[in-house]
Amino acid sequence: MIKVLFIGDIVGEPGRTAYMRALPSFIKEFDIDVVIANGENAAAGRGITPKLTTELLNAGTHVVTTGDHVWDQAELIPWLHCEHRIVRPLNYPKGTPGRGSTVIDTVKGKLAVIQVQGRTFTQPPLENPFVMIEQEVADIHQEHGSIPIIVDIHAETTSEKISMGYFLDGKVSAVIGTHTHVQTADETILENGTAYLTDAGMCGPSNSVLGREKDPIIKRFLTALPTKFPVANWPVRICGAVITIDETTGKAVAIERISRVMEKTTQA
């Protein structure tokens, strides 16, 4: 078996610090072989930089996924060609910098990570994720055989994520949703062996609105006036899932949600 730790959207400096501090204990507790983390909000809540990506990778992350904020830090764009362990949504047009999938070597063989971005209530409008991921999965299986494939679907609506889970059931090892920052409680193994969770949640300030300070957002709802939304502070809730996969078949045998609160001066 191969055990994969998937961590939801990392938000700002508190999220980064808590994640990197807690990661060794998570790896030990769950006997983790591969770590995947969504880092698209790592740079002050908007995007991620090469420096911060490198910090996450050096801390023990194997693959960093992104999302609709992938272009918010301009310095990342040319760097996407150089580092194969960071992926952006697959369904950007041909010629877009970066890659939508990657295959890595692990202690238990090869493993692939693919990311797609939903099209419902998200911007910019991208290519059809269902059509594009079907071909990508087929290409990976053709080249590498029945290796485990983890899919990060970065999308707004539960219906689009759930549909993607059923669409890929039996074709990939896991479909895990990101983007909404709120962990759902619907983890399951689908009929044909794909682990599914609508949203992994976030690794960000728990006393917040999706990782941002509460008062400015409440003010925005009250007045409709534009305002800045700073990243909130500690404590941090670290959310994600542990997926156990039979590496010989690529099918998932278990999925467990994790949600831990870390104070600034304590371990998770």
Protein backbone atom coordinates (compact mmCIF):
# COMPACT_ATOMS: atom_id res chain seq x y z
CA MET A 1 0.00 0.00 0.00
CA ILE A 2 1.00 3.61 -0.59
CA LYS A 3 -0.28 6.30 1.76
CA VAL A 4 -0.85 9.82 0.47
CA LEU A 5 -1.36 12.92 2.60
CA PHE A 6 -3.33 15.65 0.79
CA ILE A 7 -3.45 19.09 2.45
CA GLY A 8 -6.04 21.72 1.52
CA ASP A 9 -5.32 25.31 0.47
CA ILE A 10 -2.44 26.77 2.49
CA VAL A 11 -3.28 30.37 3.44
CA GLY A 12 -0.61 32.98 4.16
CA GLU A 13 2.27 32.89 6.60
CA PRO A 14 0.28 31.31 9.46
CA GLY A 15 -0.84 28.48 7.18
CA ARG A 16 2.67 27.90 5.83
CA THR A 17 4.28 27.91 9.25
CA ALA A 18 1.71 25.58 10.79
CA TYR A 19 1.88 23.18 7.85
CA MET A 20 5.66 22.91 7.85
CA ARG A 21 5.76 22.55 11.63
CA ALA A 22 3.10 19.82 11.68
CA LEU A 23 4.19 17.86 8.61
CA PRO A 24 6.83 15.64 10.29
CA SER A 25 4.33 14.52 12.94
CA PHE A 26 1.65 13.80 10.32
CA ILE A 27 4.11 11.74 8.28
CA LYS A 28 5.04 9.71 11.34
CA GLU A 29 1.50 9.31 12.69
CA PHE A 30 -0.05 8.14 9.41
CA ASP A 31 3.04 6.44 7.94
CA ILE A 32 2.87 8.73 4.90
CA ASP A 33 4.75 7.97 1.68
CA VAL A 34 3.69 10.97 -0.46
CA VAL A 35 2.63 14.51 0.47
CA ILE A 36 0.55 16.74 -1.83
CA ALA A 37 -0.38 20.27 -0.75
CA ASN A 38 -2.41 22.98 -2.43
CA GLY A 39 -0.28 26.13 -2.13
CA GLU A 40 -2.19 28.64 -4.21
CA ASN A 41 -2.87 31.01 -1.29
CA ALA A 42 0.53 30.68 0.37
CA ALA A 43 1.83 34.17 -0.53
CA ALA A 44 -0.18 36.49 1.75
CA GLY A 45 -3.35 34.75 0.62
CA ARG A 46 -2.89 35.24 -3.12
CA GLY A 47 -0.73 32.95 -5.22
CA ILE A 48 2.66 31.46 -4.44
CA THR A 49 6.26 32.42 -5.23
CA PRO A 50 9.22 30.25 -6.26
CA LYS A 51 10.79 30.84 -2.83
CA LEU A 52 7.70 29.71 -0.95
CA THR A 53 7.22 26.72 -3.25
CA THR A 54 10.81 25.68 -2.56
CA GLU A 55 10.23 26.01 1.18
CA LEU A 56 7.20 23.70 0.98
CA LEU A 57 9.11 21.18 -1.14
CA ASN A 58 12.12 21.24 1.18
CA ALA A 59 9.82 20.66 4.15
CA GLY A 60 8.79 17.29 2.72
CA THR A 61 6.08 18.10 0.18
CA HIS A 62 6.32 16.02 -2.99
CA VAL A 63 3.90 17.99 -5.20
CA VAL A 64 2.39 21.49 -4.84
CA THR A 65 -0.90 22.19 -6.62
CA THR A 66 -2.29 25.66 -7.30
CA GLY A 67 -5.56 26.98 -8.75
CA ASP A 68 -7.18 30.19 -9.94
CA HIS A 69 -4.59 32.32 -8.09
CA VAL A 70 -1.61 30.67 -9.80
CA TRP A 71 -0.82 33.84 -11.81
CA ASP A 72 -1.10 36.33 -8.91
CA GLN A 73 2.67 36.35 -8.24
CA ALA A 74 4.34 37.24 -11.54
CA GLU A 75 7.73 35.84 -10.56
CA LEU A 76 6.27 32.32 -10.49
CA ILE A 77 5.33 32.29 -14.19
CA PRO A 78 8.77 31.76 -15.79
CA TRP A 79 9.71 29.38 -12.97
CA LEU A 80 6.82 27.02 -13.77
CA HIS A 81 8.84 25.66 -16.70
CA CYS A 82 11.72 24.69 -14.40
CA GLU A 83 10.07 22.86 -11.50
CA HIS A 84 8.03 19.75 -12.33
CA ARG A 85 6.77 19.36 -8.76
CA ILE A 86 4.33 22.26 -9.03
CA VAL A 87 1.24 21.97 -11.23
CA ARG A 88 -1.40 24.43 -12.39
CA PRO A 89 -4.86 23.57 -13.75
CA LEU A 90 -4.62 21.29 -16.78
CA ASN A 91 -7.44 22.96 -18.67
CA TYR A 92 -5.69 26.23 -19.53
CA PRO A 93 -5.21 26.72 -23.28
CA LYS A 94 -2.31 25.07 -25.07
CA GLY A 95 0.88 27.11 -24.67
CA THR A 96 0.09 28.36 -21.16
CA PRO A 97 3.20 28.28 -18.91
CA GLY A 98 3.57 25.32 -16.60
CA ARG A 99 2.06 21.85 -16.57
CA GLY A 100 -1.29 20.41 -15.53
CA SER A 101 0.07 17.07 -14.38
CA THR A 102 3.27 15.49 -13.16
CA VAL A 103 4.58 11.99 -12.50
CA ILE A 104 6.94 11.54 -9.58
CA ASP A 105 9.03 8.67 -8.25
CA THR A 106 8.16 7.59 -4.72
CA VAL A 107 9.55 4.97 -2.35
CA LYS A 108 6.77 2.67 -3.63
CA GLY A 109 6.87 3.42 -7.33
CA LYS A 110 5.54 6.13 -9.60
CA LEU A 111 2.56 8.34 -8.77
CA ALA A 112 0.82 10.98 -10.88
CA VAL A 113 -0.87 14.21 -9.81
CA ILE A 114 -3.30 16.08 -12.06
CA GLN A 115 -5.12 19.34 -11.37
CA VAL A 116 -8.15 20.73 -13.16
CA GLN A 117 -10.15 23.89 -12.49
CA GLY A 118 -13.93 23.97 -12.54
CA ARG A 119 -15.88 26.28 -14.82
CA THR A 120 -18.98 27.04 -12.74
CA PHE A 121 -18.76 30.44 -10.95
CA THR A 122 -14.98 30.59 -11.48
CA GLN A 123 -12.80 32.90 -13.56
CA PRO A 124 -11.32 32.91 -16.07
CA PRO A 125 -13.45 30.49 -18.14
CA LEU A 126 -11.21 27.60 -19.11
CA GLU A 127 -11.36 24.58 -21.41
CA ASN A 128 -13.72 21.75 -20.48
CA PRO A 129 -12.03 19.94 -17.54
CA PHE A 130 -13.92 16.69 -18.14
CA VAL A 131 -12.75 16.38 -21.74
CA MET A 132 -9.17 17.38 -20.99
CA ILE A 133 -8.66 15.18 -17.95
CA GLU A 134 -10.08 12.11 -19.67
CA GLN A 135 -7.33 12.34 -22.29
CA GLU A 136 -4.65 13.13 -19.70
CA VAL A 137 -5.56 10.09 -17.60
CA ALA A 138 -5.53 7.87 -20.69
CA ASP A 139 -2.10 9.19 -21.68
CA ILE A 140 -0.65 8.57 -18.21
CA HIS A 141 -2.00 5.03 -18.07
CA GLN A 142 -0.70 4.31 -21.56
CA GLU A 143 2.80 5.50 -20.68
CA HIS A 144 3.11 4.32 -17.08
CA GLY A 145 0.51 1.58 -16.58
CA SER A 146 -1.89 1.43 -13.63
CA ILE A 147 0.04 3.80 -11.38
CA PRO A 148 -1.82 5.76 -8.68
CA ILE A 149 -3.26 9.06 -9.94
CA ILE A 150 -4.40 11.80 -7.54
CA VAL A 151 -6.67 14.52 -8.95
CA ASP A 152 -7.07 17.98 -7.37
CA ILE A 153 -10.28 19.53 -8.71
CA HIS A 154 -10.14 23.22 -7.87
CA ALA A 155 -13.77 24.28 -8.19
CA GLU A 156 -16.53 26.33 -6.60
CA THR A 157 -19.57 24.08 -6.79
CA THR A 158 -20.12 20.75 -5.09
CA SER A 159 -22.06 19.46 -8.10
CA GLU A 160 -19.10 19.93 -10.46
CA LYS A 161 -16.72 18.23 -8.03
CA ILE A 162 -19.06 15.32 -7.34
CA SER A 163 -19.64 14.85 -11.06
CA MET A 164 -15.88 14.74 -11.63
CA GLY A 165 -15.56 12.09 -8.93
CA TYR A 166 -18.09 9.82 -10.59
CA PHE A 167 -16.69 10.56 -14.05
CA LEU A 168 -13.22 9.41 -12.97
CA ASP A 169 -14.33 6.55 -10.71
CA GLY A 170 -12.18 3.54 -11.50
CA LYS A 171 -9.83 5.58 -13.71
CA VAL A 172 -7.87 7.37 -10.95
CA SER A 173 -7.01 6.66 -7.33
CA ALA A 174 -8.50 9.77 -5.74
CA VAL A 175 -10.43 12.93 -6.59
CA ILE A 176 -10.01 15.61 -3.91
CA GLY A 177 -11.66 19.03 -4.12
CA THR A 178 -10.02 22.32 -3.20
CA HIS A 179 -10.84 26.06 -3.45
CA THR A 180 -13.72 26.68 -1.02
CA HIS A 181 -11.52 26.43 2.12
CA VAL A 182 -14.34 24.62 3.98
CA GLN A 183 -13.83 20.92 4.61
CA THR A 184 -16.73 18.65 3.69
CA ALA A 185 -17.69 15.45 5.51
CA ASP A 186 -18.42 13.21 2.51
CA GLU A 187 -15.21 11.20 2.21
CA THR A 188 -15.88 7.85 0.55
CA ILE A 189 -14.55 5.14 -1.72
CA LEU A 190 -16.66 5.17 -4.87
CA GLU A 191 -17.99 1.97 -6.42
CA ASN A 192 -15.04 1.37 -8.74
CA GLY A 193 -12.25 2.14 -6.28
CA THR A 194 -11.69 5.91 -6.40
CA ALA A 195 -11.37 7.82 -3.11
CA TYR A 196 -13.43 11.02 -3.08
CA LEU A 197 -13.79 14.15 -0.92
CA THR A 198 -15.66 17.25 -2.14
CA ASP A 199 -13.31 19.67 -0.39
CA ALA A 200 -10.19 19.08 1.65
CA GLY A 201 -10.61 22.37 3.51
CA MET A 202 -7.76 24.79 4.19
CA CYS A 203 -4.58 25.06 6.19
CA GLY A 204 -5.23 28.56 7.46
CA PRO A 205 -6.41 30.72 10.36
CA SER A 206 -9.42 29.11 12.03
CA ASN A 207 -10.81 32.31 13.59
CA SER A 208 -11.47 33.86 10.20
CA VAL A 209 -13.61 34.00 7.09
CA LEU A 210 -11.90 31.53 4.75
CA GLY A 211 -8.53 32.52 6.22
CA ARG A 212 -9.09 36.30 6.09
CA GLU A 213 -9.75 38.72 8.96
CA LYS A 214 -13.44 38.74 9.83
CA ASP A 215 -14.23 42.43 10.28
CA PRO A 216 -13.28 43.74 6.80
CA ILE A 217 -15.34 41.02 5.15
CA ILE A 218 -18.34 41.66 7.39
CA LYS A 219 -17.97 45.37 6.57
CA ARG A 220 -17.98 44.54 2.86
CA PHE A 221 -21.22 42.60 3.26
CA LEU A 222 -22.76 45.47 5.23
CA THR A 223 -21.68 48.35 2.97
CA ALA A 224 -20.78 46.80 -0.43
CA LEU A 225 -17.72 49.10 -0.38
CA PRO A 226 -14.37 47.75 -1.57
CA THR A 227 -11.85 46.94 1.14
CA LYS A 228 -8.72 44.90 1.69
CA PHE A 229 -9.00 41.42 3.19
CA PRO A 230 -5.81 40.74 5.20
CA VAL A 231 -4.91 37.19 6.15
CA ALA A 232 -5.99 36.46 9.72
CA ASN A 233 -3.67 35.17 12.43
CA TRP A 234 -3.31 32.13 14.68
CA PRO A 235 -4.60 29.60 15.64
CA VAL A 236 -4.49 27.60 12.40
CA ARG A 237 -6.70 24.71 11.37
CA ILE A 238 -4.87 22.15 9.24
CA CYS A 239 -7.28 20.21 7.02
CA GLY A 240 -6.82 17.47 4.48
CA ALA A 241 -7.09 13.74 3.95
CA VAL A 242 -5.04 10.57 4.09
CA ILE A 243 -5.64 8.19 1.19
CA THR A 244 -4.45 4.57 1.21
CA ILE A 245 -3.92 3.11 -2.27
CA ASP A 246 -3.03 -0.34 -3.58
CA GLU A 247 -0.07 0.66 -5.74
CA THR A 248 -0.38 -2.50 -7.89
CA THR A 249 -3.93 -1.67 -9.06
CA GLY A 250 -4.06 2.08 -8.44
CA LYS A 251 -7.33 1.67 -6.52
CA ALA A 252 -7.97 3.34 -3.16
CA VAL A 253 -8.78 1.16 -0.16
CA ALA A 254 -9.31 3.88 2.47
CA ILE A 255 -9.69 7.63 2.93
CA GLU A 256 -9.60 9.50 6.25
CA ARG A 257 -10.26 13.19 6.77
CA ILE A 258 -7.92 15.12 9.06
CA SER A 259 -8.64 18.39 10.83
CA ARG A 260 -6.31 19.65 13.56
CA VAL A 261 -5.98 23.03 15.29
CA MET A 262 -2.50 24.33 16.00
CA GLU A 263 -1.74 27.22 18.33
CA LYS A 264 1.22 29.43 17.47
CA THR A 265 3.40 27.95 20.18
CA THR A 266 2.20 24.31 20.12
CA GLN A 267 2.26 21.30 17.79
CA ALA A 268 -0.91 20.10 16.05
